[in-house]
Amino acid sequence: MTYVAGALAGLVLGGVIGYLKNLFVWQRYLQQSEAAYESPDSLGGLYARAFISYTVNILTLVLAFFIRNLFPFDGIAFLIGTAISLAVMNKVLAIRQKRLDNKEKEACRS
């Protein structure tokens, strides 16, 4: 049971931080107009945001590593849950943004 509790706690930690990271780091960039993507400055912004995103992921895993023994559940399951949740949140939010873009394009066509 401690494995399940650790994994669930890791999923929650990674999910919350992954959602906040995508909200603050990527949301504004994805909502910019398509003309902004074509400028040379946008590529530097993309690289900077990717670097920030990777840094947040690493710091989250380091935090999870150091606090894993503070809780009464399995620390390894906590780390694995955190890593899985961080990775999944990136994909889930990217799919959500793609669906929103498709709906906007459909609305413009109508």
N, C-alpha and C. Protein backbone atom coordinates (compact mmCIF):
# COMPACT_ATOMS: atom_id res chain seq x y z
N MET A 1 0.82 -1.20 0.00
CA MET A 1 0.00 0.00 0.00
C MET A 1 0.86 1.26 0.00
N THR A 2 2.06 1.16 0.59
CA THR A 2 2.93 2.33 0.61
C THR A 2 3.41 2.69 -0.79
N TYR A 3 3.51 1.67 -1.67
CA TYR A 3 3.91 1.95 -3.05
C TYR A 3 2.83 2.76 -3.77
N VAL A 4 1.59 2.38 -3.56
CA VAL A 4 0.47 3.08 -4.21
C VAL A 4 0.38 4.51 -3.69
N ALA A 5 0.50 4.68 -2.40
CA ALA A 5 0.44 6.03 -1.81
C ALA A 5 1.59 6.89 -2.32
N GLY A 6 2.77 6.32 -2.41
CA GLY A 6 3.92 7.06 -2.92
C GLY A 6 3.75 7.45 -4.37
N ALA A 7 3.25 6.51 -5.18
CA ALA A 7 3.03 6.81 -6.59
C ALA A 7 1.96 7.88 -6.77
N LEU A 8 0.88 7.79 -6.01
CA LEU A 8 -0.18 8.79 -6.11
C LEU A 8 0.31 10.17 -5.67
N ALA A 9 1.09 10.21 -4.60
CA ALA A 9 1.64 11.50 -4.15
C ALA A 9 2.58 12.07 -5.20
N GLY A 10 3.38 11.24 -5.84
CA GLY A 10 4.26 11.68 -6.91
C GLY A 10 3.49 12.18 -8.11
N LEU A 11 2.40 11.47 -8.45
CA LEU A 11 1.57 11.91 -9.56
C LEU A 11 0.96 13.28 -9.28
N VAL A 12 0.55 13.49 -8.04
CA VAL A 12 -0.04 14.78 -7.67
C VAL A 12 1.02 15.89 -7.75
N LEU A 13 2.19 15.65 -7.15
CA LEU A 13 3.26 16.66 -7.18
C LEU A 13 3.67 16.99 -8.61
N GLY A 14 3.94 15.97 -9.39
CA GLY A 14 4.34 16.19 -10.78
C GLY A 14 3.24 16.82 -11.60
N GLY A 15 2.00 16.43 -11.35
CA GLY A 15 0.88 17.01 -12.09
C GLY A 15 0.69 18.48 -11.81
N VAL A 16 0.76 18.85 -10.55
CA VAL A 16 0.59 20.25 -10.17
C VAL A 16 1.72 21.11 -10.74
N ILE A 17 2.94 20.66 -10.56
CA ILE A 17 4.07 21.44 -11.06
C ILE A 17 4.10 21.44 -12.59
N GLY A 18 3.77 20.32 -13.21
CA GLY A 18 3.71 20.27 -14.67
C GLY A 18 2.64 21.19 -15.23
N TYR A 19 1.48 21.24 -14.57
CA TYR A 19 0.41 22.14 -15.03
C TYR A 19 0.83 23.59 -14.88
N LEU A 20 1.39 23.94 -13.71
CA LEU A 20 1.82 25.32 -13.49
C LEU A 20 2.94 25.72 -14.45
N LYS A 21 3.85 24.80 -14.70
CA LYS A 21 4.94 25.08 -15.64
C LYS A 21 4.38 25.36 -17.03
N ASN A 22 3.50 24.52 -17.48
CA ASN A 22 2.93 24.73 -18.81
C ASN A 22 2.06 25.97 -18.87
N LEU A 23 1.39 26.29 -17.78
CA LEU A 23 0.57 27.48 -17.75
C LEU A 23 1.41 28.74 -17.84
N PHE A 24 2.49 28.81 -17.05
CA PHE A 24 3.29 30.02 -17.00
C PHE A 24 4.38 30.09 -18.08
N VAL A 25 4.90 28.97 -18.50
CA VAL A 25 6.01 28.97 -19.46
C VAL A 25 5.51 28.89 -20.90
N TRP A 26 4.57 28.00 -21.18
CA TRP A 26 4.20 27.73 -22.56
C TRP A 26 2.91 28.37 -23.03
N GLN A 27 1.97 28.64 -22.13
CA GLN A 27 0.65 29.09 -22.56
C GLN A 27 0.70 30.39 -23.36
N ARG A 28 1.42 31.37 -22.88
CA ARG A 28 1.50 32.65 -23.58
C ARG A 28 2.16 32.47 -24.94
N TYR A 29 3.19 31.65 -24.99
CA TYR A 29 3.89 31.42 -26.26
C TYR A 29 2.97 30.76 -27.28
N LEU A 30 2.16 29.80 -26.85
CA LEU A 30 1.27 29.10 -27.76
C LEU A 30 0.10 29.95 -28.21
N GLN A 31 -0.25 30.96 -27.43
CA GLN A 31 -1.39 31.80 -27.78
C GLN A 31 -1.00 32.98 -28.67
N GLN A 32 0.25 33.15 -28.95
CA GLN A 32 0.67 34.24 -29.84
C GLN A 32 0.20 33.95 -31.26
N SER A 33 0.15 34.98 -32.06
CA SER A 33 -0.30 34.80 -33.44
C SER A 33 0.75 34.04 -34.24
N GLU A 34 0.31 33.49 -35.36
CA GLU A 34 1.23 32.72 -36.21
C GLU A 34 2.30 33.61 -36.81
N ALA A 35 2.03 34.87 -36.97
CA ALA A 35 3.03 35.80 -37.51
C ALA A 35 4.21 35.95 -36.56
N ALA A 36 3.96 35.84 -35.28
CA ALA A 36 5.04 35.96 -34.31
C ALA A 36 5.98 34.77 -34.39
N TYR A 37 5.48 33.61 -34.80
CA TYR A 37 6.33 32.43 -34.90
C TYR A 37 7.35 32.57 -36.02
N GLU A 38 7.05 33.39 -37.01
CA GLU A 38 7.93 33.50 -38.17
C GLU A 38 9.09 34.47 -37.95
N SER A 39 9.04 35.24 -36.88
CA SER A 39 10.13 36.19 -36.64
C SER A 39 11.35 35.47 -36.10
N PRO A 40 12.55 35.98 -36.38
CA PRO A 40 13.76 35.33 -35.88
C PRO A 40 13.87 35.34 -34.36
N ASP A 41 13.25 36.33 -33.70
CA ASP A 41 13.33 36.41 -32.25
C ASP A 41 12.53 35.30 -31.58
N SER A 42 11.54 34.77 -32.26
CA SER A 42 10.70 33.75 -31.63
C SER A 42 11.47 32.44 -31.41
N LEU A 43 12.46 32.17 -32.26
CA LEU A 43 13.24 30.95 -32.08
C LEU A 43 14.05 31.01 -30.79
N GLY A 44 14.62 32.16 -30.48
CA GLY A 44 15.33 32.32 -29.22
C GLY A 44 14.39 32.18 -28.03
N GLY A 45 13.19 32.70 -28.16
CA GLY A 45 12.19 32.55 -27.11
C GLY A 45 11.80 31.10 -26.91
N LEU A 46 11.71 30.37 -28.00
CA LEU A 46 11.39 28.95 -27.93
C LEU A 46 12.48 28.19 -27.18
N TYR A 47 13.73 28.47 -27.53
CA TYR A 47 14.85 27.81 -26.85
C TYR A 47 14.91 28.18 -25.38
N ALA A 48 14.65 29.43 -25.07
CA ALA A 48 14.67 29.86 -23.67
C ALA A 48 13.56 29.17 -22.89
N ARG A 49 12.38 29.08 -23.47
CA ARG A 49 11.28 28.41 -22.77
C ARG A 49 11.54 26.92 -22.61
N ALA A 50 12.14 26.30 -23.62
CA ALA A 50 12.49 24.88 -23.49
C ALA A 50 13.52 24.67 -22.39
N PHE A 51 14.50 25.55 -22.31
CA PHE A 51 15.50 25.46 -21.25
C PHE A 51 14.86 25.63 -19.87
N ILE A 52 13.96 26.60 -19.76
CA ILE A 52 13.26 26.81 -18.48
C ILE A 52 12.42 25.59 -18.14
N SER A 53 11.77 25.02 -19.13
CA SER A 53 10.93 23.84 -18.91
C SER A 53 11.76 22.66 -18.40
N TYR A 54 12.89 22.41 -19.04
CA TYR A 54 13.77 21.32 -18.60
C TYR A 54 14.32 21.59 -17.20
N THR A 55 14.65 22.84 -16.94
CA THR A 55 15.17 23.20 -15.62
C THR A 55 14.13 22.97 -14.53
N VAL A 56 12.90 23.34 -14.82
CA VAL A 56 11.82 23.11 -13.84
C VAL A 56 11.63 21.61 -13.61
N ASN A 57 11.67 20.82 -14.68
CA ASN A 57 11.55 19.36 -14.51
C ASN A 57 12.67 18.81 -13.64
N ILE A 58 13.89 19.23 -13.89
CA ILE A 58 15.03 18.74 -13.10
C ILE A 58 14.91 19.18 -11.65
N LEU A 59 14.56 20.45 -11.42
CA LEU A 59 14.42 20.93 -10.05
C LEU A 59 13.28 20.22 -9.32
N THR A 60 12.22 19.89 -10.02
CA THR A 60 11.11 19.15 -9.41
C THR A 60 11.56 17.76 -8.99
N LEU A 61 12.32 17.10 -9.85
CA LEU A 61 12.81 15.76 -9.50
C LEU A 61 13.83 15.81 -8.37
N VAL A 62 14.66 16.85 -8.34
CA VAL A 62 15.61 17.02 -7.23
C VAL A 62 14.85 17.26 -5.93
N LEU A 63 13.81 18.10 -5.98
CA LEU A 63 12.98 18.34 -4.81
C LEU A 63 12.33 17.04 -4.34
N ALA A 64 11.77 16.28 -5.27
CA ALA A 64 11.14 15.01 -4.92
C ALA A 64 12.16 14.05 -4.32
N PHE A 65 13.38 14.07 -4.83
CA PHE A 65 14.43 13.20 -4.29
C PHE A 65 14.75 13.55 -2.83
N PHE A 66 14.84 14.84 -2.54
CA PHE A 66 15.21 15.24 -1.18
C PHE A 66 14.08 15.12 -0.17
N ILE A 67 12.83 15.20 -0.63
CA ILE A 67 11.73 15.10 0.33
C ILE A 67 11.12 13.70 0.38
N ARG A 68 11.64 12.77 -0.37
CA ARG A 68 11.05 11.43 -0.44
C ARG A 68 11.06 10.71 0.90
N ASN A 69 12.02 10.98 1.75
CA ASN A 69 12.11 10.29 3.04
C ASN A 69 11.34 11.00 4.14
N LEU A 70 10.76 12.14 3.85
CA LEU A 70 9.98 12.87 4.85
C LEU A 70 8.57 12.32 5.01
N PHE A 71 8.12 11.55 4.04
CA PHE A 71 6.75 11.05 4.04
C PHE A 71 6.75 9.56 4.34
N PRO A 72 5.63 9.06 4.87
CA PRO A 72 5.57 7.64 5.28
C PRO A 72 5.26 6.67 4.14
N PHE A 73 5.60 7.00 2.92
CA PHE A 73 5.38 6.09 1.82
C PHE A 73 6.68 5.84 1.08
N ASP A 74 6.63 4.95 0.10
CA ASP A 74 7.82 4.53 -0.62
C ASP A 74 8.38 5.68 -1.47
N GLY A 75 9.64 6.00 -1.24
CA GLY A 75 10.28 7.12 -1.92
C GLY A 75 10.52 6.89 -3.40
N ILE A 76 10.85 5.65 -3.78
CA ILE A 76 11.10 5.35 -5.19
C ILE A 76 9.81 5.47 -6.00
N ALA A 77 8.71 4.98 -5.45
CA ALA A 77 7.42 5.12 -6.14
C ALA A 77 7.05 6.60 -6.26
N PHE A 78 7.38 7.39 -5.26
CA PHE A 78 7.14 8.83 -5.29
C PHE A 78 7.92 9.48 -6.43
N LEU A 79 9.19 9.13 -6.57
CA LEU A 79 10.02 9.68 -7.65
C LEU A 79 9.51 9.27 -9.02
N ILE A 80 9.15 8.01 -9.16
CA ILE A 80 8.65 7.51 -10.44
C ILE A 80 7.33 8.18 -10.79
N GLY A 81 6.44 8.31 -9.83
CA GLY A 81 5.16 8.98 -10.06
C GLY A 81 5.35 10.43 -10.47
N THR A 82 6.30 11.10 -9.83
CA THR A 82 6.58 12.50 -10.18
C THR A 82 7.10 12.61 -11.60
N ALA A 83 8.02 11.77 -11.97
CA ALA A 83 8.59 11.81 -13.32
C ALA A 83 7.53 11.50 -14.38
N ILE A 84 6.72 10.49 -14.13
CA ILE A 84 5.68 10.13 -15.10
C ILE A 84 4.69 11.28 -15.26
N SER A 85 4.30 11.86 -14.15
CA SER A 85 3.31 12.94 -14.20
C SER A 85 3.85 14.17 -14.92
N LEU A 86 5.12 14.50 -14.71
CA LEU A 86 5.71 15.64 -15.43
C LEU A 86 5.70 15.40 -16.93
N ALA A 87 6.04 14.19 -17.33
CA ALA A 87 6.08 13.87 -18.76
C ALA A 87 4.67 13.86 -19.37
N VAL A 88 3.72 13.28 -18.65
CA VAL A 88 2.36 13.17 -19.17
C VAL A 88 1.70 14.54 -19.25
N MET A 89 1.95 15.41 -18.28
CA MET A 89 1.32 16.73 -18.30
C MET A 89 1.73 17.52 -19.54
N ASN A 90 2.97 17.39 -19.98
CA ASN A 90 3.40 18.07 -21.21
C ASN A 90 2.57 17.59 -22.40
N LYS A 91 2.37 16.29 -22.50
CA LYS A 91 1.61 15.73 -23.63
C LYS A 91 0.14 16.09 -23.55
N VAL A 92 -0.45 15.99 -22.37
CA VAL A 92 -1.87 16.28 -22.20
C VAL A 92 -2.17 17.73 -22.55
N LEU A 93 -1.37 18.63 -22.05
CA LEU A 93 -1.62 20.05 -22.31
C LEU A 93 -1.32 20.42 -23.77
N ALA A 94 -0.38 19.74 -24.40
CA ALA A 94 -0.13 19.98 -25.82
C ALA A 94 -1.31 19.50 -26.67
N ILE A 95 -1.88 18.37 -26.31
CA ILE A 95 -3.04 17.85 -27.03
C ILE A 95 -4.24 18.79 -26.82
N ARG A 96 -4.40 19.28 -25.59
CA ARG A 96 -5.50 20.21 -25.31
C ARG A 96 -5.36 21.49 -26.13
N GLN A 97 -4.14 22.01 -26.23
CA GLN A 97 -3.91 23.22 -27.01
C GLN A 97 -4.18 22.96 -28.49
N LYS A 98 -3.81 21.81 -28.99
CA LYS A 98 -4.05 21.45 -30.40
C LYS A 98 -5.55 21.38 -30.67
N ARG A 99 -6.31 20.82 -29.75
CA ARG A 99 -7.76 20.75 -29.92
C ARG A 99 -8.38 22.15 -29.94
N LEU A 100 -7.90 23.02 -29.06
CA LEU A 100 -8.41 24.39 -29.04
C LEU A 100 -8.11 25.11 -30.35
N ASP A 101 -6.90 24.90 -30.87
CA ASP A 101 -6.53 25.50 -32.15
C ASP A 101 -7.41 24.98 -33.28
N ASN A 102 -7.70 23.68 -33.27
CA ASN A 102 -8.56 23.10 -34.31
C ASN A 102 -9.98 23.65 -34.23
N LYS A 103 -10.49 23.84 -33.01
CA LYS A 103 -11.83 24.40 -32.86
C LYS A 103 -11.88 25.83 -33.36
N GLU A 104 -10.82 26.60 -33.10
CA GLU A 104 -10.78 27.98 -33.58
C GLU A 104 -10.74 28.03 -35.10
N LYS A 105 -9.99 27.13 -35.72
CA LYS A 105 -9.92 27.08 -37.17
C LYS A 105 -11.27 26.68 -37.77
N GLU A 106 -11.97 25.74 -37.12
CA GLU A 106 -13.29 25.33 -37.59
C GLU A 106 -14.28 26.49 -37.47
N ALA A 107 -14.18 27.26 -36.38
CA ALA A 107 -15.08 28.39 -36.19
C ALA A 107 -14.84 29.47 -37.24
N CYS A 108 -13.58 29.65 -37.63
CA CYS A 108 -13.26 30.65 -38.66
C CYS A 108 -13.77 30.23 -40.03
N ARG A 109 -13.79 28.95 -40.30
CA ARG A 109 -14.25 28.44 -41.59
C ARG A 109 -15.76 28.56 -41.73
N SER A 110 -16.46 28.49 -40.63
CA SER A 110 -17.94 28.51 -40.69
C SER A 110 -18.48 29.87 -41.00
